[in-house]
Amino acid sequence: MTDKEIFIAAHEKAYPGSKEEVWEIFFKFRGCTIKTYNYITSAVITSIIFNHDFAKAFWRIEQFPDEHRWKVSFRGMFSSKSKEYIIDVWQYHLQQMVLCEKPLKYIEQFLRKGETD
């Protein structure tokens, strides 16, 4: 899947019935040069996929009942002790996306997971 296809499918999964709304993002800047168009749409997509509301909607609790909360260990820079934090599943996946070089590819694996369920 292309990045655009992944984004559209992810947005549709997070907000069912929003496909036309998403296409408006891509058509809004169609008068620009290709380079500008790609830059603007890429920036818009990035701002949407890293939005907390999008993450909460995409990784809903109902879809991941066994993964409702995650235990995460963290060791501070100046401490040898490890602390554990409990975070929601959407927060965990948002953190993992930030660490990915291609966050849309990270999202894509959950689109495939949903197709096989």
C-alpha atoms as a PDB file:
ATOM      1  CA  MET A   1       0.000   0.000   0.000  1.00  0.00           C
ATOM      2  CA  THR A   2       1.137   3.558  -0.645  1.00  0.00           C
ATOM      3  CA  ASP A   3       1.339   6.053   2.201  1.00  0.00           C
ATOM      4  CA  LYS A   4      -1.782   7.770   0.900  1.00  0.00           C
ATOM      5  CA  GLU A   5      -3.722   4.470   0.825  1.00  0.00           C
ATOM      6  CA  ILE A   6      -2.537   3.568   4.332  1.00  0.00           C
ATOM      7  CA  PHE A   7      -3.575   6.969   5.641  1.00  0.00           C
ATOM      8  CA  ILE A   8      -7.022   6.806   4.032  1.00  0.00           C
ATOM      9  CA  ALA A   9      -7.635   3.272   5.353  1.00  0.00           C
ATOM     10  CA  ALA A  10      -6.395   4.202   8.841  1.00  0.00           C
ATOM     11  CA  HIS A  11      -8.555   7.326   8.952  1.00  0.00           C
ATOM     12  CA  GLU A  12     -11.568   5.304   7.802  1.00  0.00           C
ATOM     13  CA  LYS A  13     -10.885   2.727  10.557  1.00  0.00           C
ATOM     14  CA  ALA A  14     -10.561   5.442  13.208  1.00  0.00           C
ATOM     15  CA  TYR A  15     -13.495   7.498  11.960  1.00  0.00           C
ATOM     16  CA  PRO A  16     -15.879   5.288   9.934  1.00  0.00           C
ATOM     17  CA  GLY A  17     -17.689   7.139   7.146  1.00  0.00           C
ATOM     18  CA  SER A  18     -15.041   9.857   6.784  1.00  0.00           C
ATOM     19  CA  LYS A  19     -13.559   8.888   3.400  1.00  0.00           C
ATOM     20  CA  GLU A  20     -14.850  11.946   1.508  1.00  0.00           C
ATOM     21  CA  GLU A  21     -13.538  14.210   4.263  1.00  0.00           C
ATOM     22  CA  VAL A  22     -10.065  12.716   3.875  1.00  0.00           C
ATOM     23  CA  TRP A  23     -10.043  13.088   0.091  1.00  0.00           C
ATOM     24  CA  GLU A  24     -10.640  16.816   0.585  1.00  0.00           C
ATOM     25  CA  ILE A  25      -7.200  17.024   2.211  1.00  0.00           C
ATOM     26  CA  PHE A  26      -5.583  15.744  -0.965  1.00  0.00           C
ATOM     27  CA  PHE A  27      -7.669  17.857  -3.365  1.00  0.00           C
ATOM     28  CA  LYS A  28      -7.376  21.084  -1.390  1.00  0.00           C
ATOM     29  CA  PHE A  29      -3.812  21.722  -2.558  1.00  0.00           C
ATOM     30  CA  ARG A  30      -4.056  20.270  -6.084  1.00  0.00           C
ATOM     31  CA  GLY A  31      -3.128  23.583  -7.752  1.00  0.00           C
ATOM     32  CA  CYS A  32       0.365  23.523  -6.205  1.00  0.00           C
ATOM     33  CA  THR A  33       3.500  22.158  -7.800  1.00  0.00           C
ATOM     34  CA  ILE A  34       4.088  18.452  -7.208  1.00  0.00           C
ATOM     35  CA  LYS A  35       6.910  19.116  -4.746  1.00  0.00           C
ATOM     36  CA  THR A  36       4.830  21.599  -2.723  1.00  0.00           C
ATOM     37  CA  TYR A  37       1.763  19.351  -2.882  1.00  0.00           C
ATOM     38  CA  ASN A  38       3.721  16.361  -1.571  1.00  0.00           C
ATOM     39  CA  TYR A  39       5.273  18.442   1.215  1.00  0.00           C
ATOM     40  CA  ILE A  40       1.959  19.950   2.355  1.00  0.00           C
ATOM     41  CA  THR A  41      -0.011  16.689   2.255  1.00  0.00           C
ATOM     42  CA  SER A  42       2.826  14.889   4.055  1.00  0.00           C
ATOM     43  CA  ALA A  43       2.792  17.542   6.803  1.00  0.00           C
ATOM     44  CA  VAL A  44      -1.000  17.312   7.133  1.00  0.00           C
ATOM     45  CA  ILE A  45      -0.913  13.506   7.330  1.00  0.00           C
ATOM     46  CA  THR A  46       1.841  13.613   9.958  1.00  0.00           C
ATOM     47  CA  SER A  47      -0.063  16.115  12.087  1.00  0.00           C
ATOM     48  CA  ILE A  48      -3.166  13.907  11.951  1.00  0.00           C
ATOM     49  CA  ILE A  49      -1.563  10.524  12.693  1.00  0.00           C
ATOM     50  CA  PHE A  50       0.357  11.871  15.689  1.00  0.00           C
ATOM     51  CA  ASN A  51      -2.750  13.545  17.117  1.00  0.00           C
ATOM     52  CA  HIS A  52      -3.919  12.039  20.430  1.00  0.00           C
ATOM     53  CA  ASP A  53      -7.570  11.974  19.327  1.00  0.00           C
ATOM     54  CA  PHE A  54      -6.651  10.011  16.208  1.00  0.00           C
ATOM     55  CA  ALA A  55      -4.554   7.539  18.225  1.00  0.00           C
ATOM     56  CA  LYS A  56      -7.391   7.027  20.731  1.00  0.00           C
ATOM     57  CA  ALA A  57      -9.844   6.417  17.896  1.00  0.00           C
ATOM     58  CA  PHE A  58      -7.539   4.131  15.901  1.00  0.00           C
ATOM     59  CA  TRP A  59      -6.425   1.965  18.834  1.00  0.00           C
ATOM     60  CA  ARG A  60      -9.793   1.754  20.554  1.00  0.00           C
ATOM     61  CA  ILE A  61     -10.086  -0.443  23.630  1.00  0.00           C
ATOM     62  CA  GLU A  62     -12.800  -2.558  21.965  1.00  0.00           C
ATOM     63  CA  GLN A  63     -10.364  -3.584  19.229  1.00  0.00           C
ATOM     64  CA  PHE A  64      -7.591  -4.569  21.625  1.00  0.00           C
ATOM     65  CA  PRO A  65      -9.342  -5.902  24.751  1.00  0.00           C
ATOM     66  CA  ASP A  66      -6.322  -7.928  25.885  1.00  0.00           C
ATOM     67  CA  GLU A  67      -4.018  -4.942  25.503  1.00  0.00           C
ATOM     68  CA  HIS A  68      -6.087  -2.310  27.327  1.00  0.00           C
ATOM     69  CA  ARG A  69      -3.162  -1.219  29.459  1.00  0.00           C
ATOM     70  CA  TRP A  70       0.564  -1.737  29.090  1.00  0.00           C
ATOM     71  CA  LYS A  71       3.235  -1.849  31.756  1.00  0.00           C
ATOM     72  CA  VAL A  72       6.283   0.109  30.655  1.00  0.00           C
ATOM     73  CA  SER A  73       9.603   0.151  32.456  1.00  0.00           C
ATOM     74  CA  PHE A  74      11.665   3.297  32.411  1.00  0.00           C
ATOM     75  CA  ARG A  75      15.134   3.913  33.774  1.00  0.00           C
ATOM     76  CA  GLY A  76      16.139   7.517  34.253  1.00  0.00           C
ATOM     77  CA  MET A  77      19.448   8.883  33.065  1.00  0.00           C
ATOM     78  CA  PHE A  78      20.720   9.576  36.582  1.00  0.00           C
ATOM     79  CA  SER A  79      19.146   6.640  38.377  1.00  0.00           C
ATOM     80  CA  SER A  80      19.925   2.958  38.400  1.00  0.00           C
ATOM     81  CA  LYS A  81      16.414   2.147  39.591  1.00  0.00           C
ATOM     82  CA  SER A  82      13.739   1.238  37.110  1.00  0.00           C
ATOM     83  CA  LYS A  83      10.216   2.626  37.453  1.00  0.00           C
ATOM     84  CA  GLU A  84       7.112   1.048  35.994  1.00  0.00           C
ATOM     85  CA  TYR A  85       4.300   3.051  34.491  1.00  0.00           C
ATOM     86  CA  ILE A  86       0.915   1.858  33.313  1.00  0.00           C
ATOM     87  CA  ILE A  87      -0.191   3.473  30.062  1.00  0.00           C
ATOM     88  CA  ASP A  88      -3.167   3.030  27.747  1.00  0.00           C
ATOM     89  CA  VAL A  89      -2.712   1.005  24.575  1.00  0.00           C
ATOM     90  CA  TRP A  90      -3.079   4.074  22.327  1.00  0.00           C
ATOM     91  CA  GLN A  91      -0.252   5.811  24.223  1.00  0.00           C
ATOM     92  CA  TYR A  92       2.003   2.795  23.826  1.00  0.00           C
ATOM     93  CA  HIS A  93       1.416   2.610  20.070  1.00  0.00           C
ATOM     94  CA  LEU A  94       1.849   6.370  19.676  1.00  0.00           C
ATOM     95  CA  GLN A  95       5.252   6.060  21.371  1.00  0.00           C
ATOM     96  CA  GLN A  96       6.201   3.197  19.064  1.00  0.00           C
ATOM     97  CA  MET A  97       5.148   5.242  16.034  1.00  0.00           C
ATOM     98  CA  VAL A  98       7.396   8.114  17.114  1.00  0.00           C
ATOM     99  CA  LEU A  99      10.340   5.706  17.174  1.00  0.00           C
ATOM    100  CA  CYS A 100       9.605   4.374  13.668  1.00  0.00           C
ATOM    101  CA  GLU A 101      11.297   5.778  10.627  1.00  0.00           C
ATOM    102  CA  LYS A 102       8.062   5.260   8.650  1.00  0.00           C
ATOM    103  CA  PRO A 103       5.097   5.651  11.026  1.00  0.00           C
ATOM    104  CA  LEU A 104       2.522   4.881   8.327  1.00  0.00           C
ATOM    105  CA  LYS A 105       4.107   1.452   7.858  1.00  0.00           C
ATOM    106  CA  TYR A 106       3.674   0.901  11.612  1.00  0.00           C
ATOM    107  CA  ILE A 107      -0.025   1.757  11.252  1.00  0.00           C
ATOM    108  CA  GLU A 108      -0.341  -0.521   8.218  1.00  0.00           C
ATOM    109  CA  GLN A 109       0.309  -3.645  10.284  1.00  0.00           C
ATOM    110  CA  PHE A 110      -2.826  -2.916  12.339  1.00  0.00           C
ATOM    111  CA  LEU A 111      -4.904  -2.466   9.201  1.00  0.00           C
ATOM    112  CA  ARG A 112      -3.861  -5.950   8.080  1.00  0.00           C
ATOM    113  CA  LYS A 113      -4.530  -7.304  11.573  1.00  0.00           C
ATOM    114  CA  GLY A 114      -8.084  -5.942  11.367  1.00  0.00           C
ATOM    115  CA  GLU A 115      -8.667  -7.584   7.972  1.00  0.00           C
ATOM    116  CA  THR A 116      -7.793 -11.051   9.284  1.00  0.00           C
ATOM    117  CA  ASP A 117      -9.933 -10.843  12.442  1.00  0.00           C
END
